N, C-alpha and C. Protein backbone atom coordinates (compact mmCIF):
# COMPACT_ATOMS: atom_id res chain seq x y z
N MET A 1 -1.97 -20.96 7.99
CA MET A 1 -1.12 -19.78 7.78
C MET A 1 -1.75 -18.53 8.38
N THR A 2 -3.08 -18.39 8.20
CA THR A 2 -3.73 -17.14 8.57
C THR A 2 -3.84 -16.95 10.08
N ALA A 3 -4.27 -17.99 10.80
CA ALA A 3 -4.54 -17.85 12.23
C ALA A 3 -3.32 -17.38 13.02
N PRO A 4 -2.12 -17.96 12.82
CA PRO A 4 -0.97 -17.50 13.62
C PRO A 4 -0.62 -16.03 13.41
N ILE A 5 -0.64 -15.57 12.16
CA ILE A 5 -0.26 -14.18 11.91
C ILE A 5 -1.32 -13.22 12.44
N VAL A 6 -2.60 -13.60 12.32
CA VAL A 6 -3.67 -12.75 12.87
C VAL A 6 -3.53 -12.64 14.38
N ARG A 7 -3.27 -13.76 15.02
CA ARG A 7 -3.09 -13.75 16.48
C ARG A 7 -1.88 -12.92 16.88
N ARG A 8 -0.78 -13.07 16.14
CA ARG A 8 0.43 -12.31 16.46
C ARG A 8 0.22 -10.81 16.29
N LEU A 9 -0.46 -10.42 15.23
CA LEU A 9 -0.72 -9.00 14.99
C LEU A 9 -1.58 -8.40 16.10
N ARG A 10 -2.62 -9.11 16.49
CA ARG A 10 -3.52 -8.60 17.53
C ARG A 10 -2.84 -8.58 18.89
N GLU A 11 -2.04 -9.58 19.19
CA GLU A 11 -1.32 -9.59 20.46
C GLU A 11 -0.30 -8.46 20.52
N THR A 12 0.38 -8.21 19.40
CA THR A 12 1.35 -7.11 19.36
C THR A 12 0.65 -5.77 19.55
N ALA A 13 -0.50 -5.59 18.88
CA ALA A 13 -1.25 -4.34 19.02
C ALA A 13 -1.66 -4.10 20.47
N ALA A 14 -2.10 -5.15 21.16
CA ALA A 14 -2.52 -5.01 22.55
C ALA A 14 -1.35 -4.74 23.48
N ALA A 15 -0.15 -5.21 23.10
CA ALA A 15 1.01 -5.09 23.98
C ALA A 15 1.81 -3.81 23.77
N LEU A 16 1.47 -3.01 22.75
CA LEU A 16 2.24 -1.79 22.49
C LEU A 16 2.14 -0.84 23.69
N SER A 17 3.30 -0.36 24.14
CA SER A 17 3.31 0.53 25.30
C SER A 17 3.97 1.87 25.01
N GLU A 18 4.83 1.91 23.99
CA GLU A 18 5.51 3.16 23.65
C GLU A 18 4.53 4.12 22.97
N GLU A 19 4.75 5.40 23.19
CA GLU A 19 3.88 6.40 22.57
C GLU A 19 4.12 6.52 21.07
N ARG A 20 5.35 6.22 20.63
CA ARG A 20 5.68 6.25 19.22
C ARG A 20 6.18 4.88 18.80
N VAL A 21 5.70 4.39 17.66
CA VAL A 21 6.04 3.05 17.20
C VAL A 21 6.58 3.16 15.77
N SER A 22 7.75 2.59 15.53
CA SER A 22 8.38 2.67 14.21
C SER A 22 7.81 1.62 13.26
N MET A 23 7.95 1.88 11.97
CA MET A 23 7.54 0.90 10.97
C MET A 23 8.37 -0.37 11.09
N GLN A 24 9.61 -0.24 11.54
CA GLN A 24 10.44 -1.42 11.73
C GLN A 24 9.82 -2.36 12.77
N THR A 25 9.27 -1.77 13.84
CA THR A 25 8.61 -2.57 14.87
C THR A 25 7.39 -3.27 14.29
N LEU A 26 6.62 -2.55 13.48
CA LEU A 26 5.45 -3.16 12.85
C LEU A 26 5.86 -4.27 11.89
N ALA A 27 6.97 -4.05 11.17
CA ALA A 27 7.46 -5.07 10.25
C ALA A 27 7.87 -6.33 11.00
N HIS A 28 8.49 -6.15 12.15
CA HIS A 28 8.91 -7.30 12.96
C HIS A 28 7.68 -8.09 13.42
N ALA A 29 6.61 -7.38 13.79
CA ALA A 29 5.38 -8.06 14.21
C ALA A 29 4.72 -8.77 13.04
N HIS A 30 4.85 -8.17 11.86
CA HIS A 30 4.19 -8.72 10.68
C HIS A 30 4.82 -10.03 10.22
N GLY A 31 6.11 -10.16 10.40
CA GLY A 31 6.75 -11.42 10.04
C GLY A 31 7.70 -11.29 8.87
N SER A 32 7.81 -12.34 8.08
CA SER A 32 8.82 -12.43 7.03
C SER A 32 8.73 -11.28 6.04
N ALA A 33 9.90 -10.80 5.60
CA ALA A 33 9.97 -9.67 4.67
C ALA A 33 9.95 -10.18 3.24
N ALA A 34 8.77 -10.35 2.69
CA ALA A 34 8.61 -10.73 1.29
C ALA A 34 7.91 -9.58 0.58
N HIS A 35 7.89 -9.64 -0.75
CA HIS A 35 7.29 -8.54 -1.51
C HIS A 35 5.84 -8.29 -1.08
N GLY A 36 5.06 -9.34 -0.97
CA GLY A 36 3.65 -9.18 -0.63
C GLY A 36 3.42 -8.63 0.76
N THR A 37 4.15 -9.16 1.75
CA THR A 37 3.96 -8.71 3.12
C THR A 37 4.40 -7.26 3.30
N LEU A 38 5.52 -6.88 2.67
CA LEU A 38 5.97 -5.50 2.78
C LEU A 38 5.00 -4.54 2.08
N LEU A 39 4.45 -4.98 0.96
CA LEU A 39 3.49 -4.14 0.25
C LEU A 39 2.25 -3.92 1.11
N LEU A 40 1.77 -4.97 1.75
CA LEU A 40 0.64 -4.84 2.66
C LEU A 40 0.96 -3.90 3.80
N LEU A 41 2.12 -4.10 4.41
CA LEU A 41 2.51 -3.30 5.57
C LEU A 41 2.57 -1.81 5.23
N MET A 42 3.04 -1.49 4.02
CA MET A 42 3.19 -0.08 3.66
C MET A 42 1.90 0.53 3.11
N SER A 43 1.04 -0.29 2.52
CA SER A 43 -0.17 0.26 1.91
C SER A 43 -1.27 0.53 2.94
N VAL A 44 -1.36 -0.29 3.98
CA VAL A 44 -2.44 -0.12 4.97
C VAL A 44 -2.39 1.24 5.66
N PRO A 45 -1.22 1.72 6.15
CA PRO A 45 -1.22 3.03 6.81
C PRO A 45 -1.62 4.18 5.90
N CYS A 46 -1.47 4.00 4.58
CA CYS A 46 -1.80 5.07 3.65
C CYS A 46 -3.29 5.34 3.59
N ILE A 47 -4.10 4.39 4.06
CA ILE A 47 -5.54 4.59 4.08
C ILE A 47 -5.94 5.52 5.22
N LEU A 48 -5.12 5.55 6.26
CA LEU A 48 -5.44 6.33 7.45
C LEU A 48 -5.10 7.81 7.24
N PRO A 49 -5.84 8.71 7.86
CA PRO A 49 -5.60 10.16 7.68
C PRO A 49 -4.45 10.67 8.57
N VAL A 50 -3.24 10.15 8.31
CA VAL A 50 -2.07 10.56 9.08
C VAL A 50 -1.19 11.42 8.17
N PRO A 51 -1.00 12.71 8.47
CA PRO A 51 -0.23 13.59 7.60
C PRO A 51 1.21 13.10 7.39
N GLY A 52 1.66 13.16 6.14
CA GLY A 52 3.04 12.84 5.82
C GLY A 52 3.33 11.37 5.59
N VAL A 53 2.45 10.50 6.05
CA VAL A 53 2.71 9.06 5.94
C VAL A 53 2.72 8.61 4.47
N GLY A 54 1.76 9.12 3.68
CA GLY A 54 1.68 8.71 2.29
C GLY A 54 2.95 9.02 1.51
N THR A 55 3.57 10.16 1.79
CA THR A 55 4.79 10.54 1.07
C THR A 55 5.91 9.56 1.35
N VAL A 56 6.14 9.25 2.62
CA VAL A 56 7.25 8.36 2.99
C VAL A 56 6.98 6.94 2.53
N LEU A 57 5.77 6.44 2.79
CA LEU A 57 5.47 5.06 2.42
C LEU A 57 5.32 4.91 0.91
N GLY A 58 4.85 5.97 0.24
CA GLY A 58 4.82 5.94 -1.22
C GLY A 58 6.22 5.77 -1.79
N PHE A 59 7.19 6.46 -1.18
CA PHE A 59 8.59 6.29 -1.59
C PHE A 59 9.03 4.84 -1.38
N GLY A 60 8.66 4.26 -0.23
CA GLY A 60 9.03 2.88 0.06
C GLY A 60 8.42 1.90 -0.93
N MET A 61 7.15 2.12 -1.28
CA MET A 61 6.49 1.22 -2.24
C MET A 61 7.06 1.39 -3.64
N ALA A 62 7.46 2.61 -3.98
CA ALA A 62 8.11 2.83 -5.27
C ALA A 62 9.44 2.07 -5.33
N ALA A 63 10.19 2.09 -4.22
CA ALA A 63 11.45 1.35 -4.17
C ALA A 63 11.20 -0.15 -4.30
N LEU A 64 10.13 -0.62 -3.68
CA LEU A 64 9.77 -2.04 -3.79
C LEU A 64 9.41 -2.39 -5.23
N ALA A 65 8.67 -1.50 -5.90
CA ALA A 65 8.30 -1.73 -7.30
C ALA A 65 9.54 -1.82 -8.18
N VAL A 66 10.51 -0.95 -7.93
CA VAL A 66 11.76 -0.98 -8.71
C VAL A 66 12.48 -2.30 -8.50
N ALA A 67 12.54 -2.75 -7.25
CA ALA A 67 13.20 -4.02 -6.95
C ALA A 67 12.50 -5.18 -7.66
N MET A 68 11.18 -5.16 -7.66
CA MET A 68 10.42 -6.21 -8.35
C MET A 68 10.66 -6.14 -9.86
N TRP A 69 10.66 -4.92 -10.40
CA TRP A 69 10.87 -4.72 -11.84
C TRP A 69 12.23 -5.25 -12.28
N GLN A 70 13.22 -5.09 -11.40
CA GLN A 70 14.58 -5.55 -11.71
C GLN A 70 14.78 -7.04 -11.42
N GLY A 71 13.74 -7.69 -10.86
CA GLY A 71 13.82 -9.13 -10.64
C GLY A 71 14.49 -9.54 -9.35
N HIS A 72 14.62 -8.62 -8.38
CA HIS A 72 15.22 -8.96 -7.10
C HIS A 72 14.24 -9.79 -6.27
N SER A 73 14.69 -10.92 -5.78
CA SER A 73 13.80 -11.79 -5.00
C SER A 73 13.73 -11.38 -3.53
N SER A 74 14.75 -10.69 -3.03
CA SER A 74 14.76 -10.27 -1.63
C SER A 74 14.08 -8.91 -1.49
N ALA A 75 13.62 -8.62 -0.29
CA ALA A 75 12.93 -7.36 -0.04
C ALA A 75 13.21 -6.90 1.38
N CYS A 76 13.32 -5.58 1.55
CA CYS A 76 13.49 -5.03 2.89
C CYS A 76 12.95 -3.60 2.89
N LEU A 77 12.64 -3.10 4.07
CA LEU A 77 12.16 -1.74 4.19
C LEU A 77 13.31 -0.76 3.99
N PRO A 78 13.14 0.24 3.13
CA PRO A 78 14.16 1.30 3.06
C PRO A 78 14.33 1.96 4.42
N ARG A 79 15.51 2.46 4.70
CA ARG A 79 15.80 3.02 6.02
C ARG A 79 14.84 4.15 6.38
N ARG A 80 14.54 5.00 5.41
CA ARG A 80 13.64 6.12 5.67
C ARG A 80 12.26 5.63 6.10
N VAL A 81 11.82 4.53 5.50
CA VAL A 81 10.51 3.96 5.85
C VAL A 81 10.58 3.27 7.20
N ALA A 82 11.65 2.51 7.43
CA ALA A 82 11.79 1.77 8.69
C ALA A 82 11.79 2.71 9.89
N GLU A 83 12.33 3.92 9.70
CA GLU A 83 12.43 4.87 10.81
C GLU A 83 11.16 5.71 11.00
N LEU A 84 10.22 5.61 10.06
CA LEU A 84 8.97 6.36 10.20
C LEU A 84 8.23 5.90 11.45
N GLU A 85 7.76 6.86 12.25
CA GLU A 85 7.07 6.52 13.49
C GLU A 85 5.60 6.96 13.43
N LEU A 86 4.76 6.10 13.98
CA LEU A 86 3.34 6.40 14.13
C LEU A 86 3.03 6.48 15.62
N SER A 87 1.98 7.21 15.95
CA SER A 87 1.54 7.20 17.35
C SER A 87 1.04 5.80 17.70
N ARG A 88 1.00 5.47 18.97
CA ARG A 88 0.55 4.15 19.39
C ARG A 88 -0.87 3.88 18.88
N HIS A 89 -1.72 4.89 18.90
CA HIS A 89 -3.10 4.72 18.43
C HIS A 89 -3.13 4.28 16.98
N TRP A 90 -2.38 4.99 16.12
CA TRP A 90 -2.40 4.66 14.70
C TRP A 90 -1.67 3.35 14.43
N ALA A 91 -0.62 3.05 15.19
CA ALA A 91 0.07 1.77 15.03
C ALA A 91 -0.87 0.61 15.35
N GLN A 92 -1.66 0.77 16.40
CA GLN A 92 -2.63 -0.27 16.75
C GLN A 92 -3.69 -0.41 15.67
N ARG A 93 -4.09 0.73 15.08
CA ARG A 93 -5.07 0.68 13.99
C ARG A 93 -4.49 -0.09 12.79
N VAL A 94 -3.23 0.18 12.47
CA VAL A 94 -2.59 -0.50 11.34
C VAL A 94 -2.53 -2.00 11.58
N LEU A 95 -2.10 -2.40 12.77
CA LEU A 95 -2.02 -3.84 13.07
C LEU A 95 -3.40 -4.48 13.05
N GLY A 96 -4.41 -3.76 13.55
CA GLY A 96 -5.77 -4.28 13.53
C GLY A 96 -6.29 -4.44 12.11
N MET A 97 -6.01 -3.46 11.24
CA MET A 97 -6.45 -3.55 9.85
C MET A 97 -5.74 -4.67 9.11
N LEU A 98 -4.45 -4.86 9.41
CA LEU A 98 -3.73 -5.98 8.81
C LEU A 98 -4.33 -7.31 9.24
N ALA A 99 -4.63 -7.42 10.54
CA ALA A 99 -5.24 -8.65 11.04
C ALA A 99 -6.58 -8.92 10.36
N SER A 100 -7.38 -7.87 10.18
CA SER A 100 -8.68 -8.03 9.52
C SER A 100 -8.50 -8.42 8.05
N ALA A 101 -7.51 -7.83 7.39
CA ALA A 101 -7.25 -8.16 5.98
C ALA A 101 -6.85 -9.63 5.84
N TYR A 102 -6.00 -10.11 6.74
CA TYR A 102 -5.60 -11.51 6.69
C TYR A 102 -6.76 -12.45 7.02
N THR A 103 -7.61 -12.04 7.97
CA THR A 103 -8.76 -12.86 8.31
C THR A 103 -9.69 -13.01 7.11
N MET A 104 -9.99 -11.90 6.44
CA MET A 104 -10.87 -11.96 5.27
C MET A 104 -10.22 -12.75 4.14
N ALA A 105 -8.93 -12.52 3.92
CA ALA A 105 -8.23 -13.22 2.85
C ALA A 105 -8.16 -14.72 3.13
N GLY A 106 -8.03 -15.07 4.41
CA GLY A 106 -7.99 -16.49 4.76
C GLY A 106 -9.26 -17.22 4.38
N ARG A 107 -10.38 -16.50 4.32
CA ARG A 107 -11.66 -17.12 3.95
C ARG A 107 -11.85 -17.17 2.44
N LEU A 108 -11.29 -16.18 1.74
CA LEU A 108 -11.59 -16.05 0.32
C LEU A 108 -10.42 -16.42 -0.60
N ALA A 109 -9.21 -16.10 -0.18
CA ALA A 109 -8.05 -16.29 -1.06
C ALA A 109 -7.56 -17.73 -1.02
N ARG A 110 -7.04 -18.16 -2.17
CA ARG A 110 -6.40 -19.48 -2.24
C ARG A 110 -5.45 -19.47 -3.43
N ALA A 111 -4.58 -20.45 -3.47
CA ALA A 111 -3.62 -20.53 -4.57
C ALA A 111 -4.35 -20.86 -5.87
N ARG A 112 -4.38 -19.92 -6.79
CA ARG A 112 -5.00 -20.11 -8.10
C ARG A 112 -4.38 -19.10 -9.06
N LEU A 113 -4.30 -19.48 -10.31
CA LEU A 113 -3.66 -18.62 -11.32
C LEU A 113 -2.34 -18.09 -10.77
N SER A 114 -1.57 -18.99 -10.16
CA SER A 114 -0.37 -18.57 -9.42
C SER A 114 0.65 -17.86 -10.30
N HIS A 115 0.64 -18.16 -11.61
CA HIS A 115 1.60 -17.50 -12.50
C HIS A 115 1.35 -15.99 -12.57
N LEU A 116 0.12 -15.57 -12.22
CA LEU A 116 -0.19 -14.14 -12.20
C LEU A 116 0.18 -13.49 -10.87
N ALA A 117 0.49 -14.31 -9.88
CA ALA A 117 0.83 -13.80 -8.55
C ALA A 117 2.32 -13.90 -8.28
N SER A 118 3.10 -13.80 -9.33
CA SER A 118 4.55 -13.84 -9.20
C SER A 118 5.12 -12.47 -9.54
N PRO A 119 5.91 -11.88 -8.63
CA PRO A 119 6.48 -10.54 -8.89
C PRO A 119 7.65 -10.62 -9.87
N GLY A 120 7.39 -11.13 -11.06
CA GLY A 120 8.46 -11.37 -12.02
C GLY A 120 9.09 -10.09 -12.55
N ARG A 121 10.25 -10.27 -13.16
CA ARG A 121 11.01 -9.16 -13.71
C ARG A 121 10.19 -8.46 -14.80
N ARG A 122 10.19 -7.13 -14.74
CA ARG A 122 9.49 -6.29 -15.73
C ARG A 122 8.03 -6.71 -15.90
N SER A 123 7.34 -6.95 -14.80
CA SER A 123 5.96 -7.39 -14.85
C SER A 123 5.01 -6.21 -14.78
N TRP A 124 3.76 -6.45 -15.23
CA TRP A 124 2.72 -5.44 -15.11
C TRP A 124 2.44 -5.14 -13.64
N THR A 125 2.60 -6.15 -12.80
CA THR A 125 2.35 -5.95 -11.38
C THR A 125 3.31 -4.93 -10.79
N ALA A 126 4.59 -5.05 -11.10
CA ALA A 126 5.59 -4.10 -10.60
C ALA A 126 5.30 -2.69 -11.12
N ALA A 127 4.93 -2.59 -12.41
CA ALA A 127 4.62 -1.28 -12.99
C ALA A 127 3.41 -0.65 -12.31
N ALA A 128 2.38 -1.46 -12.04
CA ALA A 128 1.18 -0.94 -11.38
C ALA A 128 1.50 -0.48 -9.96
N ILE A 129 2.32 -1.24 -9.26
CA ILE A 129 2.70 -0.84 -7.89
C ILE A 129 3.43 0.50 -7.92
N GLY A 130 4.34 0.65 -8.87
CA GLY A 130 5.07 1.92 -8.99
C GLY A 130 4.15 3.09 -9.28
N LEU A 131 3.18 2.89 -10.18
CA LEU A 131 2.23 3.95 -10.51
C LEU A 131 1.36 4.31 -9.32
N MET A 132 0.86 3.30 -8.61
CA MET A 132 0.03 3.56 -7.43
C MET A 132 0.84 4.25 -6.34
N ALA A 133 2.11 3.87 -6.19
CA ALA A 133 2.97 4.52 -5.20
C ALA A 133 3.14 6.00 -5.51
N PHE A 134 3.28 6.32 -6.80
CA PHE A 134 3.40 7.72 -7.21
C PHE A 134 2.12 8.49 -6.89
N ILE A 135 0.96 7.88 -7.15
CA ILE A 135 -0.31 8.55 -6.85
C ILE A 135 -0.45 8.78 -5.35
N VAL A 136 -0.05 7.79 -4.55
CA VAL A 136 -0.12 7.93 -3.09
C VAL A 136 0.68 9.14 -2.63
N MET A 137 1.78 9.43 -3.30
CA MET A 137 2.63 10.56 -2.89
C MET A 137 2.07 11.91 -3.30
N LEU A 138 1.09 11.93 -4.21
CA LEU A 138 0.52 13.20 -4.66
C LEU A 138 -0.34 13.83 -3.56
N PRO A 139 -0.30 15.15 -3.44
CA PRO A 139 -1.08 15.84 -2.39
C PRO A 139 -2.53 16.03 -2.79
N ILE A 140 -3.25 14.93 -2.97
CA ILE A 140 -4.66 14.97 -3.36
C ILE A 140 -5.50 14.55 -2.15
N PRO A 141 -6.43 15.39 -1.71
CA PRO A 141 -7.28 15.01 -0.57
C PRO A 141 -8.00 13.69 -0.82
N PHE A 142 -7.85 12.75 0.11
CA PHE A 142 -8.44 11.41 0.02
C PHE A 142 -7.97 10.65 -1.21
N GLY A 143 -6.90 11.13 -1.82
CA GLY A 143 -6.40 10.47 -3.03
C GLY A 143 -5.66 9.17 -2.77
N ASN A 144 -5.38 8.88 -1.49
CA ASN A 144 -4.66 7.65 -1.16
C ASN A 144 -5.56 6.42 -1.15
N LEU A 145 -6.86 6.61 -0.99
CA LEU A 145 -7.76 5.50 -0.70
C LEU A 145 -7.76 4.44 -1.80
N LEU A 146 -8.11 4.82 -3.02
CA LEU A 146 -8.21 3.83 -4.10
C LEU A 146 -6.88 3.16 -4.42
N PRO A 147 -5.79 3.92 -4.59
CA PRO A 147 -4.51 3.24 -4.86
C PRO A 147 -4.07 2.33 -3.71
N SER A 148 -4.35 2.73 -2.47
CA SER A 148 -3.96 1.89 -1.33
C SER A 148 -4.75 0.59 -1.31
N LEU A 149 -6.06 0.67 -1.62
CA LEU A 149 -6.86 -0.55 -1.71
C LEU A 149 -6.35 -1.46 -2.82
N ALA A 150 -5.97 -0.86 -3.96
CA ALA A 150 -5.41 -1.66 -5.05
C ALA A 150 -4.13 -2.36 -4.61
N LEU A 151 -3.27 -1.63 -3.90
CA LEU A 151 -2.01 -2.20 -3.44
C LEU A 151 -2.23 -3.30 -2.41
N MET A 152 -3.25 -3.13 -1.55
CA MET A 152 -3.57 -4.17 -0.58
C MET A 152 -4.01 -5.45 -1.28
N LEU A 153 -4.86 -5.33 -2.30
CA LEU A 153 -5.30 -6.51 -3.05
C LEU A 153 -4.12 -7.21 -3.72
N ILE A 154 -3.24 -6.42 -4.33
CA ILE A 154 -2.07 -7.01 -4.97
C ILE A 154 -1.19 -7.69 -3.92
N GLY A 155 -0.99 -7.03 -2.79
CA GLY A 155 -0.17 -7.61 -1.73
C GLY A 155 -0.74 -8.92 -1.22
N LEU A 156 -2.05 -8.97 -0.99
CA LEU A 156 -2.68 -10.21 -0.54
C LEU A 156 -2.55 -11.30 -1.60
N GLY A 157 -2.68 -10.91 -2.87
CA GLY A 157 -2.51 -11.88 -3.94
C GLY A 157 -1.13 -12.47 -3.96
N LEU A 158 -0.11 -11.63 -3.73
CA LEU A 158 1.27 -12.13 -3.70
C LEU A 158 1.50 -13.03 -2.49
N VAL A 159 0.93 -12.67 -1.35
CA VAL A 159 1.12 -13.46 -0.13
C VAL A 159 0.47 -14.84 -0.28
N PHE A 160 -0.76 -14.87 -0.80
CA PHE A 160 -1.51 -16.13 -0.88
C PHE A 160 -1.36 -16.82 -2.24
N HIS A 161 -0.51 -16.26 -3.12
CA HIS A 161 -0.32 -16.83 -4.47
C HIS A 161 -1.65 -16.93 -5.20
N ASP A 162 -2.46 -15.89 -5.01
CA ASP A 162 -3.80 -15.85 -5.60
C ASP A 162 -3.79 -14.87 -6.77
N GLY A 163 -3.71 -15.42 -7.98
CA GLY A 163 -3.67 -14.57 -9.16
C GLY A 163 -4.93 -13.77 -9.36
N LEU A 164 -6.08 -14.28 -8.91
CA LEU A 164 -7.33 -13.55 -9.05
C LEU A 164 -7.30 -12.27 -8.22
N ALA A 165 -6.76 -12.34 -7.00
CA ALA A 165 -6.64 -11.14 -6.17
C ALA A 165 -5.72 -10.12 -6.83
N VAL A 166 -4.65 -10.59 -7.46
CA VAL A 166 -3.73 -9.68 -8.16
C VAL A 166 -4.45 -9.00 -9.32
N VAL A 167 -5.22 -9.79 -10.09
CA VAL A 167 -5.97 -9.22 -11.21
C VAL A 167 -6.97 -8.17 -10.72
N LEU A 168 -7.67 -8.47 -9.63
CA LEU A 168 -8.60 -7.49 -9.07
C LEU A 168 -7.86 -6.24 -8.62
N GLY A 169 -6.68 -6.44 -8.04
CA GLY A 169 -5.87 -5.29 -7.63
C GLY A 169 -5.43 -4.45 -8.82
N LEU A 170 -5.06 -5.11 -9.92
CA LEU A 170 -4.66 -4.37 -11.12
C LEU A 170 -5.85 -3.62 -11.71
N ALA A 171 -7.04 -4.23 -11.66
CA ALA A 171 -8.24 -3.54 -12.14
C ALA A 171 -8.54 -2.32 -11.27
N MET A 172 -8.40 -2.48 -9.96
CA MET A 172 -8.60 -1.36 -9.05
C MET A 172 -7.56 -0.27 -9.31
N ALA A 173 -6.33 -0.68 -9.62
CA ALA A 173 -5.28 0.28 -9.93
C ALA A 173 -5.63 1.09 -11.17
N GLY A 174 -6.17 0.41 -12.19
CA GLY A 174 -6.59 1.11 -13.39
C GLY A 174 -7.69 2.12 -13.09
N PHE A 175 -8.64 1.73 -12.26
CA PHE A 175 -9.73 2.63 -11.88
C PHE A 175 -9.18 3.81 -11.08
N ALA A 176 -8.25 3.54 -10.16
CA ALA A 176 -7.64 4.61 -9.36
C ALA A 176 -6.90 5.60 -10.25
N PHE A 177 -6.22 5.08 -11.28
CA PHE A 177 -5.50 5.96 -12.20
C PHE A 177 -6.47 6.86 -12.95
N LEU A 178 -7.58 6.29 -13.43
CA LEU A 178 -8.56 7.08 -14.18
C LEU A 178 -9.19 8.16 -13.29
N VAL A 179 -9.52 7.79 -12.06
CA VAL A 179 -10.11 8.77 -11.13
C VAL A 179 -9.12 9.89 -10.84
N THR A 180 -7.86 9.53 -10.58
CA THR A 180 -6.84 10.54 -10.29
C THR A 180 -6.61 11.45 -11.48
N ALA A 181 -6.51 10.87 -12.67
CA ALA A 181 -6.32 11.67 -13.88
C ALA A 181 -7.50 12.61 -14.09
N GLY A 182 -8.72 12.13 -13.83
CA GLY A 182 -9.90 12.98 -13.96
C GLY A 182 -9.88 14.14 -12.98
N LEU A 183 -9.49 13.86 -11.74
CA LEU A 183 -9.41 14.93 -10.73
C LEU A 183 -8.36 15.97 -11.10
N MET A 184 -7.23 15.50 -11.60
CA MET A 184 -6.16 16.43 -11.98
C MET A 184 -6.59 17.27 -13.18
N LEU A 185 -7.31 16.66 -14.12
CA LEU A 185 -7.80 17.41 -15.27
C LEU A 185 -8.80 18.48 -14.85
N LEU A 186 -9.72 18.10 -13.94
CA LEU A 186 -10.69 19.08 -13.43
C LEU A 186 -9.99 20.22 -12.71
N ALA A 187 -8.99 19.88 -11.90
CA ALA A 187 -8.26 20.92 -11.17
C ALA A 187 -7.55 21.86 -12.14
N TRP A 188 -7.00 21.30 -13.22
CA TRP A 188 -6.30 22.13 -14.20
C TRP A 188 -7.29 23.05 -14.92
N VAL A 189 -8.47 22.51 -15.29
CA VAL A 189 -9.48 23.32 -15.99
C VAL A 189 -9.98 24.44 -15.09
N TRP A 190 -10.33 24.08 -13.83
CA TRP A 190 -10.83 25.08 -12.91
C TRP A 190 -9.75 26.12 -12.59
N GLY A 191 -8.52 25.65 -12.46
CA GLY A 191 -7.43 26.58 -12.19
C GLY A 191 -7.19 27.52 -13.33
N SER A 192 -7.29 27.02 -14.55
CA SER A 192 -7.10 27.85 -15.74
C SER A 192 -8.20 28.90 -15.83
N GLU A 193 -9.43 28.50 -15.56
CA GLU A 193 -10.55 29.43 -15.61
C GLU A 193 -10.39 30.51 -14.55
N TRP A 194 -9.92 30.13 -13.36
CA TRP A 194 -9.72 31.09 -12.28
C TRP A 194 -8.65 32.11 -12.66
N VAL A 195 -7.54 31.62 -13.27
CA VAL A 195 -6.45 32.52 -13.68
C VAL A 195 -6.94 33.46 -14.77
N LEU A 196 -7.67 32.89 -15.75
CA LEU A 196 -8.18 33.73 -16.83
C LEU A 196 -9.16 34.78 -16.31
N GLY A 197 -9.96 34.39 -15.31
CA GLY A 197 -10.89 35.34 -14.71
C GLY A 197 -10.16 36.49 -14.02
N LEU A 198 -9.04 36.19 -13.35
CA LEU A 198 -8.26 37.24 -12.71
C LEU A 198 -7.63 38.18 -13.75
N VAL A 199 -7.13 37.57 -14.83
CA VAL A 199 -6.45 38.38 -15.87
C VAL A 199 -7.45 39.31 -16.56
N SER A 200 -8.68 38.83 -16.77
CA SER A 200 -9.67 39.62 -17.51
C SER A 200 -10.32 40.72 -16.67
N MET A 201 -10.08 40.72 -15.36
CA MET A 201 -10.71 41.72 -14.49
C MET A 201 -10.08 43.10 -14.71
């Protein structure tokens, strides 16, 4: 399973000629539109420092989480996400990172605890994806990294039916939530102190 998709992703990255590449084009290169593959496709670009990408793809991942929560078995990219364009450089980076993720997963991931790797109706997995998608959309410097890594682990777990990868992704999601909540609390405290300092002058 792993070798063909890795080869296809790398060949597509090398063959890109347009200056702007849509997410739909990347989805076509990635292959079948399942919950796990779409989650991977949308979470990987969020790691990269491309302005505005996190907002659009966060919306797409939130829509995917809702579909999973409602028990929909089919999946597709929302139109707004499909039309999002990346420069050729960043598109090649995304395809390369996807290929590397599949290569690593091919060595480590396997079908185990498969009941935990099912995007079932009203599941903790769907809820965690929705929460991470919301965090990705927040304007926090470097705030996309931890939730995106959590989403990648969950996506790989869904693709390979590896419940352990999903559990690790959920644990990472919990850590990402705690870190984000801590940063927001610090920002609120510092902001309050700054406002009080201005008022007392």
